[in-house]
């Protein structure tokens, strides 16, 4: 499944592993992309400390399949792919 289009816009995010120990104050960052590669993730839902959903508002530009989505704040890190 290709979750980045030909212009490097993120079209969707998938939770591969929900992680553990998160809280509503934890922020999402997307590492990688080229100049002006800014994507906006608006909603992350945590249930019992696990990431249960993530919503994308703006897919930014300049991203590639190998760029990384991170949610710091837990030693049992979630794995999100794009």
C-alpha atoms as a PDB file:
ATOM      1  CA  UNK A   1       0.000   0.000   0.000  1.00  0.00           C
ATOM      2  CA  UNK A   2       1.453   3.370  -1.025  1.00  0.00           C
ATOM      3  CA  UNK A   3       0.655   5.962   1.649  1.00  0.00           C
ATOM      4  CA  UNK A   4       2.738   8.732   0.041  1.00  0.00           C
ATOM      5  CA  UNK A   5       1.752  10.117  -3.365  1.00  0.00           C
ATOM      6  CA  UNK A   6       4.080  11.094  -6.211  1.00  0.00           C
ATOM      7  CA  UNK A   7       4.541  14.628  -4.801  1.00  0.00           C
ATOM      8  CA  UNK A   8       5.622  13.356  -1.401  1.00  0.00           C
ATOM      9  CA  UNK A   9       2.299  14.150   0.305  1.00  0.00           C
ATOM     10  CA  UNK A  10       1.414  11.755   3.115  1.00  0.00           C
ATOM     11  CA  UNK A  11      -1.998  10.353   2.191  1.00  0.00           C
ATOM     12  CA  UNK A  12      -2.552   8.157   5.247  1.00  0.00           C
ATOM     13  CA  UNK A  13      -0.937   6.827   8.406  1.00  0.00           C
ATOM     14  CA  UNK A  14      -1.191   3.260   9.719  1.00  0.00           C
ATOM     15  CA  UNK A  15      -0.654   2.028  13.267  1.00  0.00           C
ATOM     16  CA  UNK A  16       1.616  -1.030  13.073  1.00  0.00           C
ATOM     17  CA  UNK A  17       2.127  -1.298  16.834  1.00  0.00           C
ATOM     18  CA  UNK A  18       0.093   0.754  19.366  1.00  0.00           C
ATOM     19  CA  UNK A  19       2.907   0.995  21.913  1.00  0.00           C
ATOM     20  CA  UNK A  20       2.121   1.466  25.603  1.00  0.00           C
ATOM     21  CA  UNK A  21       2.167   4.131  28.277  1.00  0.00           C
ATOM     22  CA  UNK A  22       1.087   7.173  26.246  1.00  0.00           C
ATOM     23  CA  UNK A  23      -1.059  10.029  27.505  1.00  0.00           C
ATOM     24  CA  UNK A  24      -3.059  12.764  25.807  1.00  0.00           C
ATOM     25  CA  UNK A  25      -0.212  15.293  26.125  1.00  0.00           C
ATOM     26  CA  UNK A  26       2.221  13.307  23.953  1.00  0.00           C
ATOM     27  CA  UNK A  27       3.013  14.937  20.610  1.00  0.00           C
ATOM     28  CA  UNK A  28       3.472  13.366  17.193  1.00  0.00           C
ATOM     29  CA  UNK A  29       6.441  14.283  15.000  1.00  0.00           C
ATOM     30  CA  UNK A  30       7.225  13.191  11.462  1.00  0.00           C
ATOM     31  CA  UNK A  31      10.965  13.033  10.819  1.00  0.00           C
ATOM     32  CA  UNK A  32      12.284  13.326   7.298  1.00  0.00           C
ATOM     33  CA  UNK A  33      11.073  14.993   4.171  1.00  0.00           C
ATOM     34  CA  UNK A  34      12.678  17.762   2.228  1.00  0.00           C
ATOM     35  CA  UNK A  35      12.561  21.527   2.526  1.00  0.00           C
ATOM     36  CA  UNK A  36       9.156  22.698   3.801  1.00  0.00           C
ATOM     37  CA  UNK A  37       8.099  19.112   4.520  1.00  0.00           C
ATOM     38  CA  UNK A  38       5.479  19.929   7.108  1.00  0.00           C
ATOM     39  CA  UNK A  39       2.591  17.586   7.736  1.00  0.00           C
ATOM     40  CA  UNK A  40      -0.068  18.171  10.353  1.00  0.00           C
ATOM     41  CA  UNK A  41      -1.480  15.396  12.495  1.00  0.00           C
ATOM     42  CA  UNK A  42      -4.498  16.669  14.353  1.00  0.00           C
ATOM     43  CA  UNK A  43      -5.850  13.810  16.404  1.00  0.00           C
ATOM     44  CA  UNK A  44      -4.237  10.919  18.191  1.00  0.00           C
ATOM     45  CA  UNK A  45      -6.507   8.794  20.352  1.00  0.00           C
ATOM     46  CA  UNK A  46      -5.015   6.921  23.268  1.00  0.00           C
ATOM     47  CA  UNK A  47      -6.916   4.133  25.001  1.00  0.00           C
ATOM     48  CA  UNK A  48      -5.345   2.650  28.097  1.00  0.00           C
ATOM     49  CA  UNK A  49      -1.996   4.158  27.083  1.00  0.00           C
ATOM     50  CA  UNK A  50      -2.062   2.621  23.572  1.00  0.00           C
ATOM     51  CA  UNK A  51      -2.337   4.618  20.345  1.00  0.00           C
ATOM     52  CA  UNK A  52      -5.700   3.543  18.907  1.00  0.00           C
ATOM     53  CA  UNK A  53      -6.178   6.053  16.085  1.00  0.00           C
ATOM     54  CA  UNK A  54      -4.326   8.831  14.300  1.00  0.00           C
ATOM     55  CA  UNK A  55      -5.812  11.392  11.910  1.00  0.00           C
ATOM     56  CA  UNK A  56      -3.970  13.416   9.283  1.00  0.00           C
ATOM     57  CA  UNK A  57      -5.062  16.998   8.502  1.00  0.00           C
ATOM     58  CA  UNK A  58      -2.363  18.080   6.031  1.00  0.00           C
ATOM     59  CA  UNK A  59      -0.058  15.626   4.276  1.00  0.00           C
ATOM     60  CA  UNK A  60       2.729  18.167   3.767  1.00  0.00           C
ATOM     61  CA  UNK A  61       5.142  17.528   0.904  1.00  0.00           C
ATOM     62  CA  UNK A  62       8.549  16.053   0.212  1.00  0.00           C
ATOM     63  CA  UNK A  63       8.144  12.892   2.296  1.00  0.00           C
ATOM     64  CA  UNK A  64       9.343   9.403   1.369  1.00  0.00           C
ATOM     65  CA  UNK A  65       8.351   5.888   2.474  1.00  0.00           C
ATOM     66  CA  UNK A  66      11.388   5.657   4.784  1.00  0.00           C
ATOM     67  CA  UNK A  67      10.568   8.824   6.784  1.00  0.00           C
ATOM     68  CA  UNK A  68       9.568   8.144  10.379  1.00  0.00           C
ATOM     69  CA  UNK A  69       6.530   9.036  12.478  1.00  0.00           C
ATOM     70  CA  UNK A  70       7.405   9.307  16.172  1.00  0.00           C
ATOM     71  CA  UNK A  71       5.353   9.717  19.318  1.00  0.00           C
ATOM     72  CA  UNK A  72       7.832  10.295  22.139  1.00  0.00           C
ATOM     73  CA  UNK A  73       6.792   9.831  25.735  1.00  0.00           C
ATOM     74  CA  UNK A  74       6.887   6.081  26.251  1.00  0.00           C
ATOM     75  CA  UNK A  75       9.558   3.405  26.459  1.00  0.00           C
ATOM     76  CA  UNK A  76       7.179   1.041  24.600  1.00  0.00           C
ATOM     77  CA  UNK A  77       7.085   3.089  21.408  1.00  0.00           C
ATOM     78  CA  UNK A  78       4.272   2.917  18.922  1.00  0.00           C
ATOM     79  CA  UNK A  79       5.151   2.143  15.305  1.00  0.00           C
ATOM     80  CA  UNK A  80       3.315   4.228  12.732  1.00  0.00           C
ATOM     81  CA  UNK A  81       3.960   3.874   9.022  1.00  0.00           C
ATOM     82  CA  UNK A  82       3.107   6.103   6.113  1.00  0.00           C
END
